[in-house]
Protein backbone atom coordinates (compact mmCIF):
# COMPACT_ATOMS: atom_id res chain seq x y z
CA MET A 1 -130.90 174.48 -109.65
CA ARG A 2 -133.52 173.52 -112.20
CA LEU A 3 -134.52 175.15 -115.48
CA SER A 4 -138.05 176.16 -116.41
CA LEU A 5 -139.53 177.25 -119.71
CA GLY A 6 -141.96 180.10 -119.09
CA PRO A 7 -145.24 180.65 -120.94
CA ILE A 8 -145.03 182.04 -124.48
CA GLN A 9 -145.66 185.77 -124.14
CA TYR A 10 -146.42 186.40 -127.83
CA LEU A 11 -149.16 185.42 -130.26
CA TRP A 12 -147.82 182.58 -132.37
CA PRO A 13 -149.86 180.43 -134.77
CA ARG A 14 -151.33 177.31 -133.24
CA GLN A 15 -149.05 174.95 -135.17
CA THR A 16 -145.99 176.99 -134.18
CA VAL A 17 -146.98 176.69 -130.52
CA GLU A 18 -147.51 172.94 -130.74
CA ASP A 19 -144.25 172.42 -132.64
CA PHE A 20 -142.39 174.59 -130.13
CA TYR A 21 -143.47 172.54 -127.15
CA GLN A 22 -142.93 169.26 -128.97
CA SER A 23 -139.35 170.34 -129.70
CA HIS A 24 -138.69 170.72 -125.98
CA VAL A 25 -140.02 167.37 -124.82
CA ASP A 26 -136.44 166.07 -124.64
CA SER A 27 -134.75 169.37 -123.74
CA PRO A 28 -132.94 169.93 -120.40
CA VAL A 29 -135.78 172.04 -118.97
CA ASP A 30 -137.40 170.46 -115.93
CA ILE A 31 -140.60 172.53 -115.83
CA ILE A 32 -142.81 173.81 -118.65
CA TYR A 33 -145.32 176.61 -118.15
CA LEU A 34 -147.95 177.17 -120.79
CA GLY A 35 -151.13 179.13 -121.35
CA GLU A 36 -152.20 182.59 -122.48
CA THR A 37 -150.97 185.12 -119.93
CA VAL A 38 -151.24 188.39 -121.86
CA CYS A 39 -154.51 188.89 -123.77
CA ALA A 40 -157.81 187.00 -123.70
CA LYS A 41 -158.45 187.88 -127.35
CA ARG A 42 -155.65 185.54 -128.37
CA ARG A 43 -157.64 182.39 -128.96
CA TYR A 44 -155.65 180.32 -131.43
CA LEU A 45 -155.75 177.78 -128.62
CA LYS A 46 -158.83 177.69 -126.43
CA THR A 47 -158.56 177.13 -122.70
CA THR A 48 -159.56 173.48 -123.04
CA GLU A 49 -156.92 173.02 -125.75
CA TRP A 50 -154.20 174.49 -123.53
CA ILE A 51 -155.22 171.96 -120.89
CA ASP A 52 -155.15 169.10 -123.41
CA LEU A 53 -151.71 170.19 -124.65
CA ALA A 54 -150.45 170.34 -121.07
CA LYS A 55 -151.68 166.81 -120.39
CA GLU A 56 -149.83 165.58 -123.46
CA LEU A 57 -146.61 167.22 -122.27
CA VAL A 58 -146.93 165.55 -118.86
CA LYS A 59 -146.24 162.25 -120.62
CA SER A 60 -142.67 163.46 -121.27
CA GLY A 61 -141.98 163.27 -117.54
CA LYS A 62 -141.62 167.02 -117.04
CA GLN A 63 -143.57 169.07 -114.54
CA VAL A 64 -146.19 171.02 -116.49
CA VAL A 65 -147.88 174.14 -115.14
CA LEU A 66 -150.87 176.04 -116.54
CA SER A 67 -150.39 179.82 -116.39
CA THR A 68 -153.35 182.18 -116.02
CA LEU A 69 -154.09 185.59 -117.51
CA THR A 70 -152.38 188.52 -115.83
CA LEU A 71 -154.99 191.20 -116.53
CA ILE A 72 -158.61 190.09 -116.20
CA GLU A 73 -160.97 192.57 -117.84
CA ALA A 74 -164.29 190.73 -118.25
CA LYS A 75 -166.44 187.94 -116.83
CA SER A 76 -165.49 185.80 -119.81
CA ASP A 77 -161.81 186.22 -118.89
CA MET A 78 -162.52 185.05 -115.36
CA ALA A 79 -164.47 182.08 -116.71
CA GLY A 80 -161.35 180.98 -118.59
CA VAL A 81 -159.22 181.38 -115.49
CA LYS A 82 -161.73 179.28 -113.54
CA ARG A 83 -161.46 176.47 -116.10
CA LEU A 84 -157.70 176.46 -115.71
CA CYS A 85 -157.89 176.49 -111.92
CA ASN A 86 -160.49 173.72 -111.95
CA ASN A 87 -158.57 171.46 -114.36
CA GLY A 88 -158.28 168.80 -111.65
CA ASP A 89 -154.83 167.44 -112.51
CA LEU A 90 -152.23 170.08 -113.33
CA ALA A 91 -150.44 172.70 -111.27
CA VAL A 92 -151.44 176.34 -111.83
CA GLU A 93 -149.40 179.53 -111.94
CA ALA A 94 -151.61 182.35 -110.64
CA ASN A 95 -150.77 185.66 -112.30
CA ASP A 96 -153.65 187.58 -110.73
CA MET A 97 -155.11 187.68 -107.23
CA GLY A 98 -158.41 186.42 -108.62
CA ALA A 99 -156.66 183.19 -109.61
CA VAL A 100 -155.03 183.06 -106.17
CA GLN A 101 -158.47 183.21 -104.57
CA LEU A 102 -159.84 180.51 -106.86
CA MET A 103 -157.02 178.17 -105.88
CA ALA A 104 -157.30 179.05 -102.19
CA ASP A 105 -161.06 178.38 -102.23
CA GLN A 106 -160.28 174.81 -103.33
CA SER A 107 -157.37 174.44 -100.89
CA LEU A 108 -155.11 173.71 -103.85
CA PRO A 109 -151.39 174.56 -104.02
CA PHE A 110 -150.31 177.11 -106.64
CA ILE A 111 -147.32 178.97 -108.03
CA GLY A 112 -147.26 182.76 -107.76
CA GLY A 113 -146.33 184.38 -111.08
CA PRO A 114 -144.03 187.39 -111.54
CA ALA A 115 -146.96 189.81 -111.82
CA LEU A 116 -148.06 189.23 -108.21
CA ASN A 117 -146.83 192.00 -105.92
CA ILE A 118 -144.59 189.94 -103.64
CA TYR A 119 -141.98 192.24 -102.18
CA ASN A 120 -141.37 190.83 -98.69
CA ALA A 121 -141.49 187.66 -96.62
CA TYR A 122 -144.71 188.71 -94.89
CA THR A 123 -146.52 188.59 -98.23
CA LEU A 124 -144.91 185.24 -98.97
CA ASN A 125 -146.13 183.92 -95.65
CA LEU A 126 -149.66 185.23 -96.22
CA LEU A 127 -149.84 183.64 -99.66
CA HIS A 128 -148.30 180.41 -98.37
CA GLN A 129 -151.20 180.17 -95.94
CA GLN A 130 -153.47 180.34 -99.01
CA GLY A 131 -151.54 177.62 -100.85
CA LEU A 132 -148.44 179.22 -102.40
CA ILE A 133 -145.66 176.66 -102.87
CA ARG A 134 -143.46 178.56 -105.35
CA TRP A 135 -143.05 182.18 -106.34
CA VAL A 136 -141.46 183.92 -109.29
CA MET A 137 -139.65 187.03 -108.10
CA PRO A 138 -140.92 190.33 -109.61
CA VAL A 139 -138.49 191.17 -112.40
CA GLU A 140 -137.52 194.58 -111.01
CA LEU A 141 -136.15 193.25 -107.71
CA ASP A 142 -132.39 192.91 -107.22
CA ALA A 143 -130.25 190.13 -105.80
CA GLU A 144 -129.70 191.78 -102.42
CA THR A 145 -133.42 192.37 -101.92
CA LEU A 146 -134.11 188.74 -102.78
CA LYS A 147 -131.41 187.66 -100.34
CA ASP A 148 -133.08 189.68 -97.56
CA ILE A 149 -136.54 188.33 -98.41
CA LEU A 150 -135.32 184.74 -98.32
CA ALA A 151 -133.46 185.32 -95.06
CA ASP A 152 -136.67 186.67 -93.49
CA ALA A 153 -138.63 183.77 -94.97
CA ASP A 154 -136.15 181.34 -93.42
CA GLU A 155 -136.72 182.91 -90.00
CA MET A 156 -140.45 182.33 -90.52
CA GLY A 157 -139.81 178.66 -91.26
CA LEU A 158 -140.69 178.95 -94.95
CA SER A 159 -137.40 177.99 -96.58
CA ASP A 160 -138.34 174.33 -97.06
CA LYS A 161 -141.97 175.11 -97.91
CA ILE A 162 -141.66 177.62 -100.76
CA GLU A 163 -139.49 177.41 -103.89
CA THR A 164 -138.00 180.53 -105.47
CA GLU A 165 -137.88 181.06 -109.23
CA VAL A 166 -136.14 183.93 -111.04
CA PHE A 167 -137.00 185.25 -114.52
CA SER A 168 -133.51 184.89 -115.98
CA PHE A 169 -133.87 185.08 -119.75
CA GLY A 170 -136.16 186.98 -122.10
CA HIS A 171 -137.88 190.31 -122.60
CA MET A 172 -139.05 191.19 -119.09
CA PRO A 173 -142.80 191.79 -118.60
CA LEU A 174 -142.98 195.27 -117.05
CA ALA A 175 -146.58 196.47 -117.22
CA TYR A 176 -150.08 195.68 -118.47
CA SER A 177 -152.77 198.08 -119.70
CA ALA A 178 -156.42 197.99 -120.71
CA ARG A 179 -155.27 199.56 -123.98
CA CYS A 180 -153.60 197.65 -126.80
CA PHE A 181 -150.51 199.48 -127.95
CA THR A 182 -149.87 197.20 -130.91
CA ALA A 183 -153.36 197.87 -132.29
CA ARG A 184 -152.85 201.60 -131.74
CA PHE A 185 -149.57 201.44 -133.65
CA ARG A 186 -151.51 199.96 -136.57
CA ASN A 187 -154.31 202.55 -136.23
CA LEU A 188 -156.84 199.92 -135.18
CA PRO A 189 -159.30 200.01 -132.28
CA LYS A 190 -158.74 197.41 -129.60
CA ASP A 191 -162.17 195.84 -130.22
CA ASP A 192 -161.20 195.27 -133.85
CA CYS A 193 -157.49 194.66 -133.43
CA GLN A 194 -157.43 191.88 -136.07
CA LEU A 195 -154.86 190.20 -133.82
CA VAL A 196 -152.08 192.22 -135.48
CA CYS A 197 -149.73 191.25 -132.65
CA GLN A 198 -149.31 187.99 -134.57
CA ASP A 199 -147.19 190.01 -137.01
CA TYR A 200 -144.60 190.55 -134.27
CA PRO A 201 -143.55 187.11 -132.99
CA GLU A 202 -141.02 188.68 -130.62
CA GLY A 203 -142.92 191.89 -129.93
CA LEU A 204 -142.72 195.33 -131.51
CA ALA A 205 -139.42 197.05 -130.75
CA MET A 206 -139.56 200.64 -129.49
CA ASP A 207 -136.29 202.57 -129.53
CA SER A 208 -135.41 205.76 -127.69
CA GLN A 209 -134.66 208.98 -129.59
CA GLU A 210 -131.01 208.02 -129.27
CA GLY A 211 -131.71 204.79 -131.13
CA GLU A 212 -131.31 202.48 -128.12
CA ALA A 213 -133.61 199.53 -127.41
CA PHE A 214 -136.04 200.92 -124.83
CA PHE A 215 -139.32 198.98 -124.70
CA THR A 216 -140.94 196.09 -126.52
CA ILE A 217 -144.66 196.41 -127.21
CA ASN A 218 -146.63 193.17 -127.01
CA GLY A 219 -150.32 194.00 -127.27
CA ILE A 220 -151.49 195.23 -123.86
CA GLN A 221 -148.15 194.26 -122.33
CA THR A 222 -145.07 196.46 -122.14
CA GLN A 223 -141.78 194.57 -122.01
CA SER A 224 -138.17 195.57 -121.64
CA GLY A 225 -136.48 196.53 -124.88
CA ARG A 226 -133.43 194.52 -123.92
CA ILE A 227 -133.31 190.84 -123.07
CA GLN A 228 -132.69 189.81 -119.49
CA HIS A 229 -129.72 187.42 -119.35
CA LEU A 230 -128.67 186.27 -115.89
CA LEU A 231 -126.61 183.19 -116.68
CA PRO A 232 -123.35 185.02 -115.76
CA HIS A 233 -124.83 185.37 -112.25
CA TRP A 234 -126.02 181.79 -111.77
CA GLN A 235 -123.60 181.08 -108.91
CA LYS A 236 -124.88 184.12 -107.01
CA MET A 237 -128.42 182.87 -107.51
CA GLN A 238 -127.45 179.47 -106.19
CA GLN A 239 -125.79 181.01 -103.12
CA ILE A 240 -128.87 183.11 -102.35
CA GLY A 241 -131.15 180.09 -102.51
CA VAL A 242 -132.81 180.32 -105.94
CA ASP A 243 -134.30 176.95 -106.89
CA ILE A 244 -135.38 177.53 -110.48
CA ILE A 245 -134.11 179.64 -113.38
CA ARG A 246 -136.87 180.68 -115.79
CA LEU A 247 -136.24 181.07 -119.51
CA SER A 248 -138.91 182.92 -121.50
CA PRO A 249 -139.52 181.60 -125.04
CA GLN A 250 -138.33 183.46 -128.10
CA PRO A 251 -139.03 182.32 -131.68
CA GLN A 252 -135.46 181.50 -132.68
CA HIS A 253 -132.43 179.77 -131.14
CA MET A 254 -134.33 178.70 -128.03
CA ASN A 255 -132.84 175.21 -128.08
CA GLU A 256 -129.31 176.62 -128.20
CA ILE A 257 -130.03 179.02 -125.33
CA ILE A 258 -131.50 176.26 -123.16
CA GLN A 259 -128.50 174.04 -123.84
CA ARG A 260 -126.10 176.87 -122.95
CA TYR A 261 -127.85 177.53 -119.63
CA SER A 262 -127.97 173.82 -118.84
CA GLN A 263 -124.30 173.20 -119.63
CA VAL A 264 -123.11 176.11 -117.49
CA ILE A 265 -125.28 175.19 -114.50
CA GLN A 266 -124.13 171.57 -114.70
CA GLY A 267 -120.49 172.64 -114.80
CA ILE A 268 -119.92 171.29 -118.31
CA SER A 269 -119.04 174.74 -119.68
CA THR A 270 -118.12 178.21 -118.42
CA ASP A 271 -119.22 180.03 -121.58
CA THR A 272 -122.24 182.21 -120.74
CA ASP A 273 -122.30 184.21 -123.99
CA ILE A 274 -125.55 183.96 -125.97
CA GLU A 275 -125.61 187.34 -127.74
CA SER A 276 -125.23 185.88 -131.24
CA TRP A 277 -128.63 184.23 -130.72
CA LEU A 278 -130.44 187.43 -129.69
CA ASN A 279 -132.27 190.01 -131.79
CA SER A 280 -131.93 192.63 -129.04
CA PRO A 281 -129.10 193.60 -126.66
CA ALA A 282 -128.79 191.78 -123.34
CA CYS A 283 -129.25 193.33 -119.88
CA ASP A 284 -128.91 192.43 -116.22
CA GLY A 285 -129.23 195.79 -114.46
CA TYR A 286 -132.24 195.05 -112.27
CA TRP A 287 -130.54 192.00 -110.77
CA LEU A 288 -127.62 194.19 -109.68
CA GLY A 289 -129.71 197.07 -108.38
CA LYS A 290 -128.94 199.29 -111.37
CA SER A 291 -130.96 200.60 -114.29
CA GLY A 292 -132.77 197.65 -115.81
CA MET A 293 -131.32 198.23 -119.27
CA ASP A 294 -127.69 198.09 -118.08
CA TYR A 295 -125.54 195.06 -118.87
CA ILE A 296 -123.08 194.90 -116.01
CA ALA A 297 -121.78 191.40 -116.81
CA VAL A 298 -119.84 192.84 -119.75
CA GLU A 299 -118.21 195.54 -117.64
CA ALA A 300 -117.38 193.06 -114.88
CA GLY A 301 -115.87 190.56 -117.28
CA LEU A 302 -118.45 187.90 -116.41
CA LYS A 303 -119.84 187.56 -119.91
């Protein structure tokens, strides 16, 4: 299995973004995704600058993929997506069916992001006919469902044509809205949000009345309050047929987390514990068909 570094989900300063990617040029990740996937108002890097940054990263020998917006709300948003899809050189992760159509119209291969509603092999087959060569499983699906989907895909002759990627580390993207919850929290209208999400480099934590991590607010995106951590289940993923493990960037300790995942997958180490590097509790419930916020690895002694 290979490791991928997903797109940054938060609004970080331009220099922080550039330094972050530069720090991973020599890291064990095989694939780097980059681009603004959450909010079109986040313009510290313009679309053309994301493309230029991606082309620089290609020189490191890694596969680099441009990720598109997930929620397209205006013609200007679609124009940016078109520029990404028409870049001419780099692979594209389509996070919206509009981007899928743009790639299909050019007969170009693409990766299907986790926001696409792919819940069965028939959808995989349909999208493969439009150019899909890799898909990222929706975060709420469990291992047994994925196993069934891949078994059906194999019967359709797709197993050697489509790669499977699983969101394995990070705050899980759960939902998107036309409203900006971070701006609302700061009593600001969305049209004059002042980009206050930059004040929360790992999102705005929302606890339940019982004081448990419940959600993370990231502008128009709602994330899990806990951090998905599937390294204890990497052998199950390998058995099912997962090709790529995705790690979603966080502002601190990302190098250590990548190294830990890499060492375990390569058989160098059996230590899957990363909790000292997290600002929120870990979870793995969705993967096991339980409540998403559960952390079954601890109970099962897999941690």
